[in-house]
Amino acid sequence: MTIVQLEYIVAVDTYRSFVVAAEKCFVTQPTLSMQVQKLEDTLGVKLFDRSKQPVTPTEIGIDIIAQARTLLAESEKIKEIITDRQKELSGELKVAIIPTVSPYILPKILRGFVEKYPQVKLIVWEQTTEQIILQLKNGTIDCGILSTPLHEGNLKEIPVFYENFVAYVSKNSKLSKKKNICPEDIDMEEIWVLNEGHCMREQVLNICQRRKATKGFQHFEYNTGSVETLKRMVDQNNGATILPELALSDLNDKQLDKVRYFRSPEPAREVSIVVQNNFLKRRMIDALRNEILELVPKRMRTKKKKEVIDI
């Protein structure tokens, strides 16, 4: 049993294809297949059901591959010990971030992070919570920035800040006549929400305490994954929506007049850096967290008087 063989079976499990796994490992498909077969012969068990497409691990293969991921992570820690002895951070940091957080922190921290750590290559993807969780479990990214709690026992959540939700309302909305609002004031027939697959959609529906299918308006159904689009829909088509508080920094005075704050305790979301339990690249991830903390107001670093909305 070798480290290379463990890397190969993890790659096959991740991509569910011997061909793609070979490409990702920069070897030929016959070479990868031969090494996987050798490992199976050594262990005396079949790790993959090759009759299925995509390829799937066998029942025992699932457990062995999970242990292989742990062993590979532990072996990488040897390299990390050497890196930690170096004064300057270096290497790649692969990060995935949900679209409802990305526009409000990523552009603002990117320049500062790159200037402070020029030897670090930051690779970032915008993805849904479900996609980020899958990639974290597969080990294809180093960390995710998303709304928590996730209730995933094999992932570690490192809270960074707590962000209030606010209402953004048109002049013809009943909410515009109120100085402060409560969830019971919201009429779900006029609210614009994100489409399925976005955790903020679930949080907004939880705020309103109504889980029925939401179409925004009875005569029109609209699906979007963009908070900015929701804001523009209110500007152009009336109604109301729910925004994360950091989105207010981009509003002009006219738009700020459309903002209505919730009464205390304000509904809020917890934003965390999420990693595997035995995660690597701790110094780089800590550096990323510190950059985010420098950006957000101090009051966002505590959940005092805030009702964190579960996903």
C-alpha atoms as a PDB file:
ATOM      1  CA  MET A   1       0.000   0.000   0.000  1.00  0.00           C
ATOM      2  CA  THR A   2       1.449   3.352  -1.054  1.00  0.00           C
ATOM      3  CA  ILE A   3       0.529   7.017  -0.725  1.00  0.00           C
ATOM      4  CA  VAL A   4       0.168   7.176  -4.502  1.00  0.00           C
ATOM      5  CA  GLN A   5      -2.337   4.322  -4.509  1.00  0.00           C
ATOM      6  CA  LEU A   6      -4.355   6.071  -1.811  1.00  0.00           C
ATOM      7  CA  GLU A   7      -4.323   9.274  -3.866  1.00  0.00           C
ATOM      8  CA  TYR A   8      -5.618   7.363  -6.868  1.00  0.00           C
ATOM      9  CA  ILE A   9      -8.568   5.737  -5.090  1.00  0.00           C
ATOM     10  CA  VAL A  10      -9.524   9.093  -3.553  1.00  0.00           C
ATOM     11  CA  ALA A  11      -9.396  10.675  -7.014  1.00  0.00           C
ATOM     12  CA  VAL A  12     -11.624   7.951  -8.488  1.00  0.00           C
ATOM     13  CA  ASP A  13     -14.089   8.416  -5.634  1.00  0.00           C
ATOM     14  CA  THR A  14     -14.070  12.198  -6.085  1.00  0.00           C
ATOM     15  CA  TYR A  15     -14.605  12.240  -9.842  1.00  0.00           C
ATOM     16  CA  ARG A  16     -16.413   8.872 -10.169  1.00  0.00           C
ATOM     17  CA  SER A  17     -14.435   8.155 -13.322  1.00  0.00           C
ATOM     18  CA  PHE A  18     -11.107   6.404 -13.915  1.00  0.00           C
ATOM     19  CA  VAL A  19     -10.475   8.577 -16.977  1.00  0.00           C
ATOM     20  CA  VAL A  20     -11.100  11.901 -15.215  1.00  0.00           C
ATOM     21  CA  ALA A  21      -9.212  10.747 -12.111  1.00  0.00           C
ATOM     22  CA  ALA A  22      -6.204   9.902 -14.262  1.00  0.00           C
ATOM     23  CA  GLU A  23      -6.320  13.338 -15.886  1.00  0.00           C
ATOM     24  CA  LYS A  24      -6.466  15.054 -12.508  1.00  0.00           C
ATOM     25  CA  CYS A  25      -3.558  12.956 -11.228  1.00  0.00           C
ATOM     26  CA  PHE A  26      -1.542  13.601 -14.426  1.00  0.00           C
ATOM     27  CA  VAL A  27      -1.085   9.927 -15.272  1.00  0.00           C
ATOM     28  CA  THR A  28      -2.456   7.659 -17.968  1.00  0.00           C
ATOM     29  CA  GLN A  29      -5.697   5.836 -17.303  1.00  0.00           C
ATOM     30  CA  PRO A  30      -4.071   2.359 -17.571  1.00  0.00           C
ATOM     31  CA  THR A  31      -1.431   3.391 -15.006  1.00  0.00           C
ATOM     32  CA  LEU A  32      -4.053   4.576 -12.531  1.00  0.00           C
ATOM     33  CA  SER A  33      -6.262   1.519 -13.095  1.00  0.00           C
ATOM     34  CA  MET A  34      -3.303  -0.820 -12.571  1.00  0.00           C
ATOM     35  CA  GLN A  35      -2.381   0.812  -9.239  1.00  0.00           C
ATOM     36  CA  VAL A  36      -5.970   0.673  -8.018  1.00  0.00           C
ATOM     37  CA  GLN A  37      -6.127  -3.006  -8.983  1.00  0.00           C
ATOM     38  CA  LYS A  38      -2.859  -3.658  -7.126  1.00  0.00           C
ATOM     39  CA  LEU A  39      -4.267  -2.041  -3.994  1.00  0.00           C
ATOM     40  CA  GLU A  40      -7.445  -4.102  -4.262  1.00  0.00           C
ATOM     41  CA  ASP A  41      -5.337  -7.277  -4.634  1.00  0.00           C
ATOM     42  CA  THR A  42      -3.258  -6.317  -1.594  1.00  0.00           C
ATOM     43  CA  LEU A  43      -6.352  -5.655   0.530  1.00  0.00           C
ATOM     44  CA  GLY A  44      -8.287  -8.598  -0.855  1.00  0.00           C
ATOM     45  CA  VAL A  45     -11.433  -6.536  -1.502  1.00  0.00           C
ATOM     46  CA  LYS A  46     -13.038  -4.659  -4.349  1.00  0.00           C
ATOM     47  CA  LEU A  47     -13.097  -0.897  -3.756  1.00  0.00           C
ATOM     48  CA  PHE A  48     -15.194   0.100  -6.769  1.00  0.00           C
ATOM     49  CA  ASP A  49     -18.129  -1.285  -8.725  1.00  0.00           C
ATOM     50  CA  ARG A  50     -16.866  -0.821 -12.261  1.00  0.00           C
ATOM     51  CA  SER A  51     -20.108  -2.097 -13.816  1.00  0.00           C
ATOM     52  CA  LYS A  52     -21.865   1.139 -12.896  1.00  0.00           C
ATOM     53  CA  GLN A  53     -21.552   4.490 -14.597  1.00  0.00           C
ATOM     54  CA  PRO A  54     -20.505   6.663 -12.975  1.00  0.00           C
ATOM     55  CA  VAL A  55     -18.180   4.379 -11.034  1.00  0.00           C
ATOM     56  CA  THR A  56     -19.281   3.956  -7.414  1.00  0.00           C
ATOM     57  CA  PRO A  57     -17.397   2.670  -4.375  1.00  0.00           C
ATOM     58  CA  THR A  58     -18.450  -0.621  -2.838  1.00  0.00           C
ATOM     59  CA  GLU A  59     -19.796  -0.742   0.697  1.00  0.00           C
ATOM     60  CA  ILE A  60     -16.383  -1.599   2.139  1.00  0.00           C
ATOM     61  CA  GLY A  61     -14.746   0.744  -0.355  1.00  0.00           C
ATOM     62  CA  ILE A  62     -16.601   3.699   1.183  1.00  0.00           C
ATOM     63  CA  ASP A  63     -14.995   3.027   4.585  1.00  0.00           C
ATOM     64  CA  ILE A  64     -11.530   2.397   3.153  1.00  0.00           C
ATOM     65  CA  ILE A  65     -11.609   5.527   0.999  1.00  0.00           C
ATOM     66  CA  ALA A  66     -12.704   7.602   3.991  1.00  0.00           C
ATOM     67  CA  GLN A  67      -9.691   6.293   5.911  1.00  0.00           C
ATOM     68  CA  ALA A  68      -7.475   6.979   2.886  1.00  0.00           C
ATOM     69  CA  ARG A  69      -8.570  10.621   2.938  1.00  0.00           C
ATOM     70  CA  THR A  70      -7.615  10.820   6.618  1.00  0.00           C
ATOM     71  CA  LEU A  71      -4.202   9.248   5.995  1.00  0.00           C
ATOM     72  CA  LEU A  72      -3.480  11.591   3.087  1.00  0.00           C
ATOM     73  CA  ALA A  73      -4.465  14.607   5.164  1.00  0.00           C
ATOM     74  CA  GLU A  74      -2.158  13.478   7.964  1.00  0.00           C
ATOM     75  CA  SER A  75       0.718  12.969   5.517  1.00  0.00           C
ATOM     76  CA  GLU A  76       0.203  16.507   4.198  1.00  0.00           C
ATOM     77  CA  LYS A  77       0.677  17.812   7.729  1.00  0.00           C
ATOM     78  CA  ILE A  78       4.369  16.871   7.466  1.00  0.00           C
ATOM     79  CA  LYS A  79       4.708  19.406   4.655  1.00  0.00           C
ATOM     80  CA  GLU A  80       2.712  21.891   6.689  1.00  0.00           C
ATOM     81  CA  ILE A  81       5.129  21.604   9.613  1.00  0.00           C
ATOM     82  CA  ILE A  82       7.896  22.751   7.275  1.00  0.00           C
ATOM     83  CA  THR A  83       5.744  25.557   5.868  1.00  0.00           C
ATOM     84  CA  ASP A  84       4.862  26.783   9.354  1.00  0.00           C
ATOM     85  CA  ARG A  85       8.570  27.182  10.097  1.00  0.00           C
ATOM     86  CA  GLN A  86       8.863  29.596   7.205  1.00  0.00           C
ATOM     87  CA  LYS A  87       8.194  33.258   7.899  1.00  0.00           C
ATOM     88  CA  GLU A  88       6.281  33.894   4.681  1.00  0.00           C
ATOM     89  CA  LEU A  89       3.089  32.093   3.738  1.00  0.00           C
ATOM     90  CA  SER A  90       3.204  30.373   0.361  1.00  0.00           C
ATOM     91  CA  GLY A  91       1.201  27.925  -1.715  1.00  0.00           C
ATOM     92  CA  GLU A  92      -2.384  27.650  -2.948  1.00  0.00           C
ATOM     93  CA  LEU A  93      -5.516  28.331  -0.939  1.00  0.00           C
ATOM     94  CA  LYS A  94      -8.684  27.016  -2.590  1.00  0.00           C
ATOM     95  CA  VAL A  95     -11.791  28.758  -1.285  1.00  0.00           C
ATOM     96  CA  ALA A  96     -15.485  28.438  -2.150  1.00  0.00           C
ATOM     97  CA  ILE A  97     -17.957  31.116  -1.073  1.00  0.00           C
ATOM     98  CA  ILE A  98     -21.727  31.432  -1.321  1.00  0.00           C
ATOM     99  CA  PRO A  99     -23.044  34.119  -3.739  1.00  0.00           C
ATOM    100  CA  THR A 100     -24.967  35.965  -1.008  1.00  0.00           C
ATOM    101  CA  VAL A 101     -21.720  36.696   0.855  1.00  0.00           C
ATOM    102  CA  SER A 102     -19.148  36.961  -1.931  1.00  0.00           C
ATOM    103  CA  PRO A 103     -20.006  40.400  -3.429  1.00  0.00           C
ATOM    104  CA  TYR A 104     -19.836  42.136  -0.062  1.00  0.00           C
ATOM    105  CA  ILE A 105     -16.525  40.860   1.278  1.00  0.00           C
ATOM    106  CA  LEU A 106     -14.463  39.292  -1.518  1.00  0.00           C
ATOM    107  CA  PRO A 107     -13.676  42.430  -3.600  1.00  0.00           C
ATOM    108  CA  LYS A 108     -12.757  44.317  -0.435  1.00  0.00           C
ATOM    109  CA  ILE A 109     -10.388  41.762   1.080  1.00  0.00           C
ATOM    110  CA  LEU A 110      -8.791  40.521  -2.130  1.00  0.00           C
ATOM    111  CA  ARG A 111      -6.280  43.348  -2.653  1.00  0.00           C
ATOM    112  CA  GLY A 112      -5.212  43.458   0.997  1.00  0.00           C
ATOM    113  CA  PHE A 113      -4.736  39.699   1.187  1.00  0.00           C
ATOM    114  CA  VAL A 114      -2.688  39.558  -2.024  1.00  0.00           C
ATOM    115  CA  GLU A 115      -0.496  42.462  -0.927  1.00  0.00           C
ATOM    116  CA  LYS A 116       0.188  40.939   2.489  1.00  0.00           C
ATOM    117  CA  TYR A 117       0.767  37.421   1.198  1.00  0.00           C
ATOM    118  CA  PRO A 118       2.203  37.674  -2.335  1.00  0.00           C
ATOM    119  CA  GLN A 119       3.415  34.058  -2.281  1.00  0.00           C
ATOM    120  CA  VAL A 120      -0.114  32.711  -1.738  1.00  0.00           C
ATOM    121  CA  LYS A 121      -2.229  31.930  -4.787  1.00  0.00           C
ATOM    122  CA  LEU A 122      -5.864  32.477  -3.845  1.00  0.00           C
ATOM    123  CA  ILE A 123      -8.290  30.411  -5.952  1.00  0.00           C
ATOM    124  CA  VAL A 124     -11.949  31.259  -5.362  1.00  0.00           C
ATOM    125  CA  TRP A 125     -15.259  29.845  -6.629  1.00  0.00           C
ATOM    126  CA  GLU A 126     -18.804  31.093  -6.027  1.00  0.00           C
ATOM    127  CA  GLN A 127     -21.013  28.094  -5.291  1.00  0.00           C
ATOM    128  CA  THR A 128     -24.138  27.059  -3.424  1.00  0.00           C
ATOM    129  CA  THR A 129     -23.950  25.650   0.099  1.00  0.00           C
ATOM    130  CA  GLU A 130     -24.659  22.126  -1.143  1.00  0.00           C
ATOM    131  CA  GLN A 131     -21.823  22.296  -3.681  1.00  0.00           C
ATOM    132  CA  ILE A 132     -19.381  23.661  -1.092  1.00  0.00           C
ATOM    133  CA  ILE A 133     -20.216  20.925   1.427  1.00  0.00           C
ATOM    134  CA  LEU A 134     -19.630  18.256  -1.228  1.00  0.00           C
ATOM    135  CA  GLN A 135     -16.261  19.722  -2.225  1.00  0.00           C
ATOM    136  CA  LEU A 136     -15.169  20.036   1.403  1.00  0.00           C
ATOM    137  CA  LYS A 137     -15.974  16.365   1.986  1.00  0.00           C
ATOM    138  CA  ASN A 138     -14.133  15.402  -1.215  1.00  0.00           C
ATOM    139  CA  GLY A 139     -11.138  17.521  -0.257  1.00  0.00           C
ATOM    140  CA  THR A 140     -11.125  19.484  -3.526  1.00  0.00           C
ATOM    141  CA  ILE A 141     -11.178  22.822  -1.666  1.00  0.00           C
ATOM    142  CA  ASP A 142      -9.398  23.942   1.499  1.00  0.00           C
ATOM    143  CA  CYS A 143     -12.240  25.913   3.054  1.00  0.00           C
ATOM    144  CA  GLY A 144     -15.663  27.375   2.418  1.00  0.00           C
ATOM    145  CA  ILE A 145     -17.211  30.675   3.481  1.00  0.00           C
ATOM    146  CA  LEU A 146     -20.909  30.171   4.083  1.00  0.00           C
ATOM    147  CA  SER A 147     -23.832  30.590   6.410  1.00  0.00           C
ATOM    148  CA  THR A 148     -23.917  28.246   9.381  1.00  0.00           C
ATOM    149  CA  PRO A 149     -24.794  26.079  11.280  1.00  0.00           C
ATOM    150  CA  LEU A 150     -24.695  23.260   8.753  1.00  0.00           C
ATOM    151  CA  HIS A 151     -25.259  20.290  11.082  1.00  0.00           C
ATOM    152  CA  GLU A 152     -22.474  18.330   9.366  1.00  0.00           C
ATOM    153  CA  GLY A 153     -20.571  16.334  11.976  1.00  0.00           C
ATOM    154  CA  ASN A 154     -17.454  15.794   9.867  1.00  0.00           C
ATOM    155  CA  LEU A 155     -16.972  19.511   9.156  1.00  0.00           C
ATOM    156  CA  LYS A 156     -15.629  22.171  11.498  1.00  0.00           C
ATOM    157  CA  GLU A 157     -17.238  25.621  11.577  1.00  0.00           C
ATOM    158  CA  ILE A 158     -15.175  28.672  12.540  1.00  0.00           C
ATOM    159  CA  PRO A 159     -17.594  31.608  13.076  1.00  0.00           C
ATOM    160  CA  VAL A 160     -16.354  34.913  11.683  1.00  0.00           C
ATOM    161  CA  PHE A 161     -19.246  37.388  11.975  1.00  0.00           C
ATOM    162  CA  TYR A 162     -22.994  37.746  12.531  1.00  0.00           C
ATOM    163  CA  GLU A 163     -24.917  39.753   9.957  1.00  0.00           C
ATOM    164  CA  ASN A 164     -28.398  41.186  10.424  1.00  0.00           C
ATOM    165  CA  PHE A 165     -31.111  40.839   7.807  1.00  0.00           C
ATOM    166  CA  VAL A 166     -33.041  43.947   6.764  1.00  0.00           C
ATOM    167  CA  ALA A 167     -36.117  44.519   4.620  1.00  0.00           C
ATOM    168  CA  TYR A 168     -35.844  46.453   1.373  1.00  0.00           C
ATOM    169  CA  VAL A 169     -39.287  47.752   0.373  1.00  0.00           C
ATOM    170  CA  SER A 170     -40.934  49.776  -2.356  1.00  0.00           C
ATOM    171  CA  LYS A 171     -43.028  52.848  -1.570  1.00  0.00           C
ATOM    172  CA  ASN A 172     -46.301  51.050  -2.318  1.00  0.00           C
ATOM    173  CA  SER A 173     -45.533  48.288   0.202  1.00  0.00           C
ATOM    174  CA  LYS A 174     -47.307  48.354   3.552  1.00  0.00           C
ATOM    175  CA  LEU A 175     -43.891  47.903   5.145  1.00  0.00           C
ATOM    176  CA  SER A 176     -42.775  51.328   3.901  1.00  0.00           C
ATOM    177  CA  LYS A 177     -45.168  52.986   6.365  1.00  0.00           C
ATOM    178  CA  LYS A 178     -43.421  51.372   9.336  1.00  0.00           C
ATOM    179  CA  LYS A 179     -40.257  52.633  10.996  1.00  0.00           C
ATOM    180  CA  ASN A 180     -39.311  49.189  12.323  1.00  0.00           C
ATOM    181  CA  ILE A 181     -40.858  45.867  11.381  1.00  0.00           C
ATOM    182  CA  CYS A 182     -41.276  42.359  12.742  1.00  0.00           C
ATOM    183  CA  PRO A 183     -41.498  39.100  10.744  1.00  0.00           C
ATOM    184  CA  GLU A 184     -45.292  38.975  11.159  1.00  0.00           C
ATOM    185  CA  ASP A 185     -45.591  42.215   9.151  1.00  0.00           C
ATOM    186  CA  ILE A 186     -44.272  40.596   5.972  1.00  0.00           C
ATOM    187  CA  ASP A 187     -46.776  39.652   3.270  1.00  0.00           C
ATOM    188  CA  MET A 188     -45.357  36.653   1.401  1.00  0.00           C
ATOM    189  CA  GLU A 189     -47.400  37.554  -1.668  1.00  0.00           C
ATOM    190  CA  GLU A 190     -45.190  40.587  -2.287  1.00  0.00           C
ATOM    191  CA  ILE A 191     -41.796  39.255  -1.210  1.00  0.00           C
ATOM    192  CA  TRP A 192     -39.045  38.452  -3.713  1.00  0.00           C
ATOM    193  CA  VAL A 193     -36.806  35.554  -2.644  1.00  0.00           C
ATOM    194  CA  LEU A 194     -33.888  33.581  -4.038  1.00  0.00           C
ATOM    195  CA  ASN A 195     -34.530  30.360  -5.914  1.00  0.00           C
ATOM    196  CA  GLU A 196     -34.148  26.834  -4.573  1.00  0.00           C
ATOM    197  CA  GLY A 197     -30.649  25.772  -3.563  1.00  0.00           C
ATOM    198  CA  HIS A 198     -29.646  28.987  -1.796  1.00  0.00           C
ATOM    199  CA  CYS A 199     -29.470  28.857   1.983  1.00  0.00           C
ATOM    200  CA  MET A 200     -30.576  32.486   2.270  1.00  0.00           C
ATOM    201  CA  ARG A 201     -33.905  31.538   0.685  1.00  0.00           C
ATOM    202  CA  GLU A 202     -34.514  29.081   3.517  1.00  0.00           C
ATOM    203  CA  GLN A 203     -33.446  31.672   6.083  1.00  0.00           C
ATOM    204  CA  VAL A 204     -35.842  34.260   4.660  1.00  0.00           C
ATOM    205  CA  LEU A 205     -38.702  31.757   4.700  1.00  0.00           C
ATOM    206  CA  ASN A 206     -37.790  30.868   8.271  1.00  0.00           C
ATOM    207  CA  ILE A 207     -37.899  34.550   9.212  1.00  0.00           C
ATOM    208  CA  CYS A 208     -41.400  34.739   7.784  1.00  0.00           C
ATOM    209  CA  GLN A 209     -42.271  31.402   9.419  1.00  0.00           C
ATOM    210  CA  ARG A 210     -44.029  30.217   6.276  1.00  0.00           C
ATOM    211  CA  ARG A 211     -42.601  27.298   4.333  1.00  0.00           C
ATOM    212  CA  LYS A 212     -45.037  27.225   1.410  1.00  0.00           C
ATOM    213  CA  ALA A 213     -43.835  27.674  -2.158  1.00  0.00           C
ATOM    214  CA  THR A 214     -43.090  31.339  -2.732  1.00  0.00           C
ATOM    215  CA  LYS A 215     -43.600  32.945  -6.124  1.00  0.00           C
ATOM    216  CA  GLY A 216     -43.035  36.583  -5.244  1.00  0.00           C
ATOM    217  CA  PHE A 217     -46.329  37.585  -6.900  1.00  0.00           C
ATOM    218  CA  GLN A 218     -49.344  35.448  -7.765  1.00  0.00           C
ATOM    219  CA  HIS A 219     -49.211  36.326 -11.473  1.00  0.00           C
ATOM    220  CA  PHE A 220     -45.454  35.977 -11.944  1.00  0.00           C
ATOM    221  CA  GLU A 221     -42.821  33.455 -10.885  1.00  0.00           C
ATOM    222  CA  TYR A 222     -39.184  34.519 -10.948  1.00  0.00           C
ATOM    223  CA  ASN A 223     -36.077  32.491 -10.068  1.00  0.00           C
ATOM    224  CA  THR A 224     -32.733  34.119  -9.333  1.00  0.00           C
ATOM    225  CA  GLY A 225     -29.607  33.379  -7.342  1.00  0.00           C
ATOM    226  CA  SER A 226     -28.586  37.028  -7.033  1.00  0.00           C
ATOM    227  CA  VAL A 227     -29.334  39.308  -4.085  1.00  0.00           C
ATOM    228  CA  GLU A 228     -28.568  42.302  -6.299  1.00  0.00           C
ATOM    229  CA  THR A 229     -31.247  41.176  -8.748  1.00  0.00           C
ATOM    230  CA  LEU A 230     -33.800  40.977  -5.928  1.00  0.00           C
ATOM    231  CA  LYS A 231     -33.014  44.570  -4.980  1.00  0.00           C
ATOM    232  CA  ARG A 232     -33.485  45.722  -8.549  1.00  0.00           C
ATOM    233  CA  MET A 233     -36.765  43.855  -8.819  1.00  0.00           C
ATOM    234  CA  VAL A 234     -38.053  45.914  -5.903  1.00  0.00           C
ATOM    235  CA  ASP A 235     -36.735  49.115  -7.512  1.00  0.00           C
ATOM    236  CA  GLN A 236     -38.414  48.400 -10.833  1.00  0.00           C
ATOM    237  CA  ASN A 237     -41.412  46.198  -9.990  1.00  0.00           C
ATOM    238  CA  ASN A 238     -42.374  47.118  -6.418  1.00  0.00           C
ATOM    239  CA  GLY A 239     -42.824  44.574  -3.631  1.00  0.00           C
ATOM    240  CA  ALA A 240     -40.185  43.846  -1.008  1.00  0.00           C
ATOM    241  CA  THR A 241     -37.209  41.600  -0.340  1.00  0.00           C
ATOM    242  CA  ILE A 242     -34.802  40.692   2.457  1.00  0.00           C
ATOM    243  CA  LEU A 243     -31.155  41.754   2.215  1.00  0.00           C
ATOM    244  CA  PRO A 244     -28.036  40.907   4.231  1.00  0.00           C
ATOM    245  CA  GLU A 245     -26.812  43.974   6.095  1.00  0.00           C
ATOM    246  CA  LEU A 246     -23.465  44.215   4.280  1.00  0.00           C
ATOM    247  CA  ALA A 247     -25.397  44.832   1.060  1.00  0.00           C
ATOM    248  CA  LEU A 248     -26.351  48.278   2.394  1.00  0.00           C
ATOM    249  CA  SER A 249     -22.847  49.625   1.807  1.00  0.00           C
ATOM    250  CA  ASP A 250     -23.566  49.801  -1.938  1.00  0.00           C
ATOM    251  CA  LEU A 251     -26.904  51.658  -1.649  1.00  0.00           C
ATOM    252  CA  ASN A 252     -27.383  55.344  -2.448  1.00  0.00           C
ATOM    253  CA  ASP A 253     -29.433  57.705  -0.257  1.00  0.00           C
ATOM    254  CA  LYS A 254     -32.630  57.087  -2.229  1.00  0.00           C
ATOM    255  CA  GLN A 255     -32.251  53.344  -1.845  1.00  0.00           C
ATOM    256  CA  LEU A 256     -31.384  53.599   1.849  1.00  0.00           C
ATOM    257  CA  ASP A 257     -34.804  55.221   2.366  1.00  0.00           C
ATOM    258  CA  LYS A 258     -36.302  51.874   1.324  1.00  0.00           C
ATOM    259  CA  VAL A 259     -34.543  49.964   4.112  1.00  0.00           C
ATOM    260  CA  ARG A 260     -36.564  48.866   7.143  1.00  0.00           C
ATOM    261  CA  TYR A 261     -34.852  47.339  10.172  1.00  0.00           C
ATOM    262  CA  PHE A 262     -36.307  44.544  12.270  1.00  0.00           C
ATOM    263  CA  ARG A 263     -37.108  45.021  15.913  1.00  0.00           C
ATOM    264  CA  SER A 264     -34.790  43.397  18.449  1.00  0.00           C
ATOM    265  CA  PRO A 265     -33.802  40.606  18.478  1.00  0.00           C
ATOM    266  CA  GLU A 266     -32.936  41.184  14.835  1.00  0.00           C
ATOM    267  CA  PRO A 267     -32.908  38.105  12.589  1.00  0.00           C
ATOM    268  CA  ALA A 268     -29.323  37.402  11.583  1.00  0.00           C
ATOM    269  CA  ARG A 269     -27.105  34.846   9.953  1.00  0.00           C
ATOM    270  CA  GLU A 270     -23.830  33.416  11.191  1.00  0.00           C
ATOM    271  CA  VAL A 271     -21.089  33.487   8.543  1.00  0.00           C
ATOM    272  CA  SER A 272     -18.263  31.021   9.107  1.00  0.00           C
ATOM    273  CA  ILE A 273     -15.188  29.566   7.528  1.00  0.00           C
ATOM    274  CA  VAL A 274     -15.888  25.837   7.212  1.00  0.00           C
ATOM    275  CA  VAL A 275     -13.164  23.201   6.938  1.00  0.00           C
ATOM    276  CA  GLN A 276     -12.677  19.470   7.364  1.00  0.00           C
ATOM    277  CA  ASN A 277     -12.140  18.353  10.957  1.00  0.00           C
ATOM    278  CA  ASN A 278      -8.515  17.461  10.204  1.00  0.00           C
ATOM    279  CA  PHE A 279      -7.983  20.532   8.015  1.00  0.00           C
ATOM    280  CA  LEU A 280      -4.669  21.770   6.645  1.00  0.00           C
ATOM    281  CA  LYS A 281      -3.255  25.198   5.736  1.00  0.00           C
ATOM    282  CA  ARG A 282      -4.211  26.615   9.121  1.00  0.00           C
ATOM    283  CA  ARG A 283      -1.987  29.694   8.863  1.00  0.00           C
ATOM    284  CA  MET A 284      -3.397  30.668   5.475  1.00  0.00           C
ATOM    285  CA  ILE A 285      -6.976  30.120   6.639  1.00  0.00           C
ATOM    286  CA  ASP A 286      -6.307  32.149   9.794  1.00  0.00           C
ATOM    287  CA  ALA A 287      -4.900  34.929   7.621  1.00  0.00           C
ATOM    288  CA  LEU A 288      -8.037  34.888   5.471  1.00  0.00           C
ATOM    289  CA  ARG A 289     -10.268  35.037   8.557  1.00  0.00           C
ATOM    290  CA  ASN A 290      -8.301  37.988   9.931  1.00  0.00           C
ATOM    291  CA  GLU A 291      -8.731  39.888   6.663  1.00  0.00           C
ATOM    292  CA  ILE A 292     -12.500  39.403   6.854  1.00  0.00           C
ATOM    293  CA  LEU A 293     -12.562  40.494  10.501  1.00  0.00           C
ATOM    294  CA  GLU A 294     -10.750  43.714   9.600  1.00  0.00           C
ATOM    295  CA  LEU A 295     -13.452  44.446   7.029  1.00  0.00           C
ATOM    296  CA  VAL A 296     -16.632  43.888   9.051  1.00  0.00           C
ATOM    297  CA  PRO A 297     -17.726  46.328  11.799  1.00  0.00           C
ATOM    298  CA  LYS A 298     -16.883  45.268  15.363  1.00  0.00           C
ATOM    299  CA  ARG A 299     -20.572  44.966  16.273  1.00  0.00           C
ATOM    300  CA  MET A 300     -20.861  42.110  13.740  1.00  0.00           C
ATOM    301  CA  ARG A 301     -18.369  39.997  15.645  1.00  0.00           C
ATOM    302  CA  THR A 302     -20.907  39.104  18.317  1.00  0.00           C
ATOM    303  CA  LYS A 303     -24.388  37.581  18.102  1.00  0.00           C
ATOM    304  CA  LYS A 304     -25.622  39.578  21.102  1.00  0.00           C
ATOM    305  CA  LYS A 305     -29.293  40.556  20.676  1.00  0.00           C
ATOM    306  CA  LYS A 306     -29.467  38.710  17.379  1.00  0.00           C
ATOM    307  CA  GLU A 307     -31.590  35.727  16.499  1.00  0.00           C
ATOM    308  CA  VAL A 308     -29.448  33.521  14.301  1.00  0.00           C
ATOM    309  CA  ILE A 309     -31.663  31.978  11.618  1.00  0.00           C
ATOM    310  CA  ASP A 310     -30.981  28.317  10.964  1.00  0.00           C
ATOM    311  CA  ILE A 311     -30.738  26.996   7.422  1.00  0.00           C
END
